[in-house]
Amino acid sequence: NTNGSNNTAMGYQSLNSNSSGISN
């Protein structure tokens, strides 16, 4: 994640590749 906002990730490598996605 570089500029994605409002994301929540819980767990090993969750949302690992998300760079700019929002609200995940």
PDB file of all heavy atoms in Angstrom:
ATOM      1  N   ASN A   1       0.832  -1.204   0.000  1.00  0.00           N
ATOM      2  CA  ASN A   1       0.000   0.000   0.000  1.00  0.00           C
ATOM      3  C   ASN A   1       0.866   1.254   0.000  1.00  0.00           C
ATOM      4  O   ASN A   1       1.692   1.447   0.878  1.00  0.00           O
ATOM      5  CB  ASN A   1      -0.918   0.005   1.237  1.00  0.00           C
ATOM      6  CG  ASN A   1      -2.003   1.043   1.127  1.00  0.00           C
ATOM      7  OD1 ASN A   1      -2.980   0.818   0.446  1.00  0.00           O
ATOM      8  ND2 ASN A   1      -1.820   2.175   1.774  1.00  0.00           N
ATOM      9  N   THR A   2       0.676   2.103  -1.005  1.00  0.00           N
ATOM     10  CA  THR A   2       1.415   3.366  -1.053  1.00  0.00           C
ATOM     11  C   THR A   2       0.491   4.544  -0.773  1.00  0.00           C
ATOM     12  O   THR A   2       0.791   5.380   0.060  1.00  0.00           O
ATOM     13  CB  THR A   2       2.101   3.578  -2.423  1.00  0.00           C
ATOM     14  OG1 THR A   2       1.121   3.463  -3.456  1.00  0.00           O
ATOM     15  CG2 THR A   2       3.218   2.570  -2.622  1.00  0.00           C
ATOM     16  N   ASN A   3      -0.634   4.601  -1.481  1.00  0.00           N
ATOM     17  CA  ASN A   3      -1.541   5.727  -1.286  1.00  0.00           C
ATOM     18  C   ASN A   3      -3.003   5.320  -1.113  1.00  0.00           C
ATOM     19  O   ASN A   3      -3.878   6.157  -1.111  1.00  0.00           O
ATOM     20  CB  ASN A   3      -1.404   6.731  -2.430  1.00  0.00           C
ATOM     21  CG  ASN A   3      -1.799   6.161  -3.766  1.00  0.00           C
ATOM     22  OD1 ASN A   3      -1.833   4.953  -3.953  1.00  0.00           O
ATOM     23  ND2 ASN A   3      -2.093   7.017  -4.716  1.00  0.00           N
ATOM     24  N   GLY A   4      -3.271   4.027  -0.964  1.00  0.00           N
ATOM     25  CA  GLY A   4      -4.628   3.580  -0.692  1.00  0.00           C
ATOM     26  C   GLY A   4      -5.069   4.017   0.694  1.00  0.00           C
ATOM     27  O   GLY A   4      -4.254   4.113   1.615  1.00  0.00           O
ATOM     28  N   SER A   5      -6.342   4.307   0.843  1.00  0.00           N
ATOM     29  CA  SER A   5      -6.861   4.784   2.124  1.00  0.00           C
ATOM     30  C   SER A   5      -8.102   4.001   2.542  1.00  0.00           C
ATOM     31  O   SER A   5      -8.759   3.367   1.720  1.00  0.00           O
ATOM     32  CB  SER A   5      -7.214   6.274   2.028  1.00  0.00           C
ATOM     33  OG  SER A   5      -6.056   7.048   1.832  1.00  0.00           O
ATOM     34  N   ASN A   6      -8.404   4.060   3.812  1.00  0.00           N
ATOM     35  CA  ASN A   6      -9.605   3.454   4.396  1.00  0.00           C
ATOM     36  C   ASN A   6      -9.652   1.942   4.229  1.00  0.00           C
ATOM     37  O   ASN A   6     -10.710   1.359   4.035  1.00  0.00           O
ATOM     38  CB  ASN A   6     -10.875   4.084   3.802  1.00  0.00           C
ATOM     39  CG  ASN A   6     -10.887   5.577   3.944  1.00  0.00           C
ATOM     40  OD1 ASN A   6     -10.558   6.113   4.993  1.00  0.00           O
ATOM     41  ND2 ASN A   6     -11.237   6.279   2.877  1.00  0.00           N
ATOM     42  N   ASN A   7      -8.507   1.283   4.289  1.00  0.00           N
ATOM     43  CA  ASN A   7      -8.417  -0.162   4.163  1.00  0.00           C
ATOM     44  C   ASN A   7      -8.205  -0.803   5.527  1.00  0.00           C
ATOM     45  O   ASN A   7      -7.531  -0.234   6.377  1.00  0.00           O
ATOM     46  CB  ASN A   7      -7.250  -0.543   3.248  1.00  0.00           C
ATOM     47  CG  ASN A   7      -7.453  -0.057   1.838  1.00  0.00           C
ATOM     48  OD1 ASN A   7      -8.387  -0.470   1.165  1.00  0.00           O
ATOM     49  ND2 ASN A   7      -6.585   0.837   1.391  1.00  0.00           N
ATOM     50  N   THR A   8      -8.752  -2.007   5.689  1.00  0.00           N
ATOM     51  CA  THR A   8      -8.542  -2.777   6.905  1.00  0.00           C
ATOM     52  C   THR A   8      -8.079  -4.171   6.514  1.00  0.00           C
ATOM     53  O   THR A   8      -8.754  -4.862   5.749  1.00  0.00           O
ATOM     54  CB  THR A   8      -9.838  -2.886   7.737  1.00  0.00           C
ATOM     55  OG1 THR A   8     -10.292  -1.572   8.065  1.00  0.00           O
ATOM     56  CG2 THR A   8      -9.604  -3.682   9.008  1.00  0.00           C
ATOM     57  N   ALA A   9      -6.920  -4.575   7.023  1.00  0.00           N
ATOM     58  CA  ALA A   9      -6.361  -5.894   6.721  1.00  0.00           C
ATOM     59  C   ALA A   9      -5.992  -6.581   8.023  1.00  0.00           C
ATOM     60  O   ALA A   9      -5.250  -6.028   8.834  1.00  0.00           O
ATOM     61  CB  ALA A   9      -5.123  -5.754   5.841  1.00  0.00           C
ATOM     62  N   MET A  10      -6.518  -7.783   8.231  1.00  0.00           N
ATOM     63  CA  MET A  10      -6.200  -8.552   9.427  1.00  0.00           C
ATOM     64  C   MET A  10      -5.854  -9.965   9.009  1.00  0.00           C
ATOM     65  O   MET A  10      -6.692 -10.667   8.456  1.00  0.00           O
ATOM     66  CB  MET A  10      -7.380  -8.554  10.389  1.00  0.00           C
ATOM     67  CG  MET A  10      -7.718  -7.180  10.903  1.00  0.00           C
ATOM     68  SD  MET A  10      -8.988  -7.208  12.146  1.00  0.00           S
ATOM     69  CE  MET A  10      -8.019  -7.714  13.540  1.00  0.00           C
ATOM     70  N   GLY A  11      -4.594 -10.343   9.222  1.00  0.00           N
ATOM     71  CA  GLY A  11      -4.140 -11.681   8.880  1.00  0.00           C
ATOM     72  C   GLY A  11      -2.872 -11.633   8.060  1.00  0.00           C
ATOM     73  O   GLY A  11      -2.595 -10.659   7.353  1.00  0.00           O
ATOM     74  N   TYR A  12      -2.111 -12.689   8.126  1.00  0.00           N
ATOM     75  CA  TYR A  12      -0.846 -12.811   7.414  1.00  0.00           C
ATOM     76  C   TYR A  12      -1.033 -12.526   5.926  1.00  0.00           C
ATOM     77  O   TYR A  12      -1.864 -13.144   5.269  1.00  0.00           O
ATOM     78  CB  TYR A  12      -0.305 -14.226   7.624  1.00  0.00           C
ATOM     79  CG  TYR A  12       0.960 -14.540   6.881  1.00  0.00           C
ATOM     80  CD1 TYR A  12       2.191 -14.112   7.364  1.00  0.00           C
ATOM     81  CD2 TYR A  12       0.930 -15.266   5.710  1.00  0.00           C
ATOM     82  CE1 TYR A  12       3.369 -14.406   6.692  1.00  0.00           C
ATOM     83  CE2 TYR A  12       2.098 -15.574   5.032  1.00  0.00           C
ATOM     84  CZ  TYR A  12       3.312 -15.133   5.520  1.00  0.00           C
ATOM     85  OH  TYR A  12       4.472 -15.425   4.841  1.00  0.00           O
ATOM     86  N   GLN A  13      -0.346 -11.549   5.399  1.00  0.00           N
ATOM     87  CA  GLN A  13      -0.348 -11.133   4.001  1.00  0.00           C
ATOM     88  C   GLN A  13      -1.712 -10.716   3.469  1.00  0.00           C
ATOM     89  O   GLN A  13      -1.946 -10.718   2.262  1.00  0.00           O
ATOM     90  CB  GLN A  13       0.256 -12.221   3.104  1.00  0.00           C
ATOM     91  CG  GLN A  13       1.717 -12.457   3.352  1.00  0.00           C
ATOM     92  CD  GLN A  13       2.325 -13.465   2.390  1.00  0.00           C
ATOM     93  OE1 GLN A  13       1.654 -14.369   1.885  1.00  0.00           O
ATOM     94  NE2 GLN A  13       3.615 -13.314   2.140  1.00  0.00           N
ATOM     95  N   SER A  14      -2.635 -10.343   4.329  1.00  0.00           N
ATOM     96  CA  SER A  14      -3.927  -9.865   3.850  1.00  0.00           C
ATOM     97  C   SER A  14      -3.745  -8.502   3.168  1.00  0.00           C
ATOM     98  O   SER A  14      -2.955  -7.680   3.607  1.00  0.00           O
ATOM     99  CB  SER A  14      -4.940  -9.792   4.989  1.00  0.00           C
ATOM    100  OG  SER A  14      -4.481  -8.967   6.023  1.00  0.00           O
ATOM    101  N   LEU A  15      -4.418  -8.309   2.060  1.00  0.00           N
ATOM    102  CA  LEU A  15      -4.297  -7.102   1.233  1.00  0.00           C
ATOM    103  C   LEU A  15      -2.838  -6.787   0.912  1.00  0.00           C
ATOM    104  O   LEU A  15      -2.445  -5.641   0.776  1.00  0.00           O
ATOM    105  CB  LEU A  15      -4.970  -5.903   1.915  1.00  0.00           C
ATOM    106  CG  LEU A  15      -6.459  -5.751   1.659  1.00  0.00           C
ATOM    107  CD1 LEU A  15      -7.093  -4.759   2.626  1.00  0.00           C
ATOM    108  CD2 LEU A  15      -6.748  -5.343   0.227  1.00  0.00           C
ATOM    109  N   ASN A  16      -2.040  -7.799   0.747  1.00  0.00           N
ATOM    110  CA  ASN A  16      -0.602  -7.665   0.537  1.00  0.00           C
ATOM    111  C   ASN A  16      -0.237  -6.804  -0.665  1.00  0.00           C
ATOM    112  O   ASN A  16       0.659  -5.973  -0.582  1.00  0.00           O
ATOM    113  CB  ASN A  16       0.024  -9.049   0.387  1.00  0.00           C
ATOM    114  CG  ASN A  16       1.513  -9.003   0.155  1.00  0.00           C
ATOM    115  OD1 ASN A  16       1.963  -8.882  -0.973  1.00  0.00           O
ATOM    116  ND2 ASN A  16       2.270  -9.075   1.227  1.00  0.00           N
ATOM    117  N   SER A  17      -0.892  -6.979  -1.804  1.00  0.00           N
ATOM    118  CA  SER A  17      -0.521  -6.283  -3.042  1.00  0.00           C
ATOM    119  C   SER A  17      -1.266  -4.974  -3.255  1.00  0.00           C
ATOM    120  O   SER A  17      -1.019  -4.278  -4.234  1.00  0.00           O
ATOM    121  CB  SER A  17      -0.773  -7.198  -4.244  1.00  0.00           C
ATOM    122  OG  SER A  17      -0.039  -8.398  -4.108  1.00  0.00           O
ATOM    123  N   ASN A  18      -2.188  -4.656  -2.386  1.00  0.00           N
ATOM    124  CA  ASN A  18      -2.960  -3.425  -2.543  1.00  0.00           C
ATOM    125  C   ASN A  18      -2.021  -2.222  -2.515  1.00  0.00           C
ATOM    126  O   ASN A  18      -1.283  -2.022  -1.568  1.00  0.00           O
ATOM    127  CB  ASN A  18      -3.993  -3.300  -1.422  1.00  0.00           C
ATOM    128  CG  ASN A  18      -4.954  -2.161  -1.660  1.00  0.00           C
ATOM    129  OD1 ASN A  18      -5.849  -2.294  -2.477  1.00  0.00           O
ATOM    130  ND2 ASN A  18      -4.764  -1.058  -0.968  1.00  0.00           N
ATOM    131  N   SER A  19      -2.036  -1.426  -3.565  1.00  0.00           N
ATOM    132  CA  SER A  19      -1.180  -0.234  -3.590  1.00  0.00           C
ATOM    133  C   SER A  19      -1.989   1.044  -3.492  1.00  0.00           C
ATOM    134  O   SER A  19      -1.641   1.942  -2.732  1.00  0.00           O
ATOM    135  CB  SER A  19      -0.316  -0.216  -4.852  1.00  0.00           C
ATOM    136  OG  SER A  19      -1.145  -0.253  -6.000  1.00  0.00           O
ATOM    137  N   SER A  20      -3.077   1.121  -4.243  1.00  0.00           N
ATOM    138  CA  SER A  20      -3.856   2.357  -4.223  1.00  0.00           C
ATOM    139  C   SER A  20      -5.356   2.116  -4.069  1.00  0.00           C
ATOM    140  O   SER A  20      -6.138   3.056  -4.112  1.00  0.00           O
ATOM    141  CB  SER A  20      -3.585   3.173  -5.484  1.00  0.00           C
ATOM    142  OG  SER A  20      -3.896   2.408  -6.635  1.00  0.00           O
ATOM    143  N   GLY A  21      -5.756   0.870  -3.893  1.00  0.00           N
ATOM    144  CA  GLY A  21      -7.173   0.572  -3.694  1.00  0.00           C
ATOM    145  C   GLY A  21      -7.684   1.190  -2.405  1.00  0.00           C
ATOM    146  O   GLY A  21      -6.943   1.334  -1.435  1.00  0.00           O
ATOM    147  N   ILE A  22      -8.955   1.572  -2.399  1.00  0.00           N
ATOM    148  CA  ILE A  22      -9.539   2.213  -1.219  1.00  0.00           C
ATOM    149  C   ILE A  22     -10.735   1.422  -0.699  1.00  0.00           C
ATOM    150  O   ILE A  22     -11.385   0.688  -1.432  1.00  0.00           O
ATOM    151  CB  ILE A  22      -9.960   3.673  -1.510  1.00  0.00           C
ATOM    152  CG1 ILE A  22     -11.001   3.733  -2.632  1.00  0.00           C
ATOM    153  CG2 ILE A  22      -8.756   4.526  -1.867  1.00  0.00           C
ATOM    154  CD1 ILE A  22     -11.635   5.093  -2.807  1.00  0.00           C
ATOM    155  N   SER A  23     -10.985   1.579   0.571  1.00  0.00           N
ATOM    156  CA  SER A  23     -12.170   1.037   1.239  1.00  0.00           C
ATOM    157  C   SER A  23     -12.313  -0.471   1.094  1.00  0.00           C
ATOM    158  O   SER A  23     -13.397  -0.988   0.823  1.00  0.00           O
ATOM    159  CB  SER A  23     -13.429   1.741   0.734  1.00  0.00           C
ATOM    160  OG  SER A  23     -13.328   3.132   0.946  1.00  0.00           O
ATOM    161  N   ASN A  24     -11.236  -1.206   1.278  1.00  0.00           N
ATOM    162  CA  ASN A  24     -11.252  -2.666   1.244  1.00  0.00           C
ATOM    163  C   ASN A  24     -11.170  -3.218   2.664  1.00  0.00           C
ATOM    164  O   ASN A  24     -10.543  -2.612   3.523  1.00  0.00           O
ATOM    165  CB  ASN A  24     -10.052  -3.184   0.441  1.00  0.00           C
ATOM    166  CG  ASN A  24     -10.118  -2.773  -1.002  1.00  0.00           C
ATOM    167  OD1 ASN A  24     -10.982  -3.216  -1.745  1.00  0.00           O
ATOM    168  ND2 ASN A  24      -9.200  -1.911  -1.415  1.00  0.00           N
TER     169      ASN A  24
END
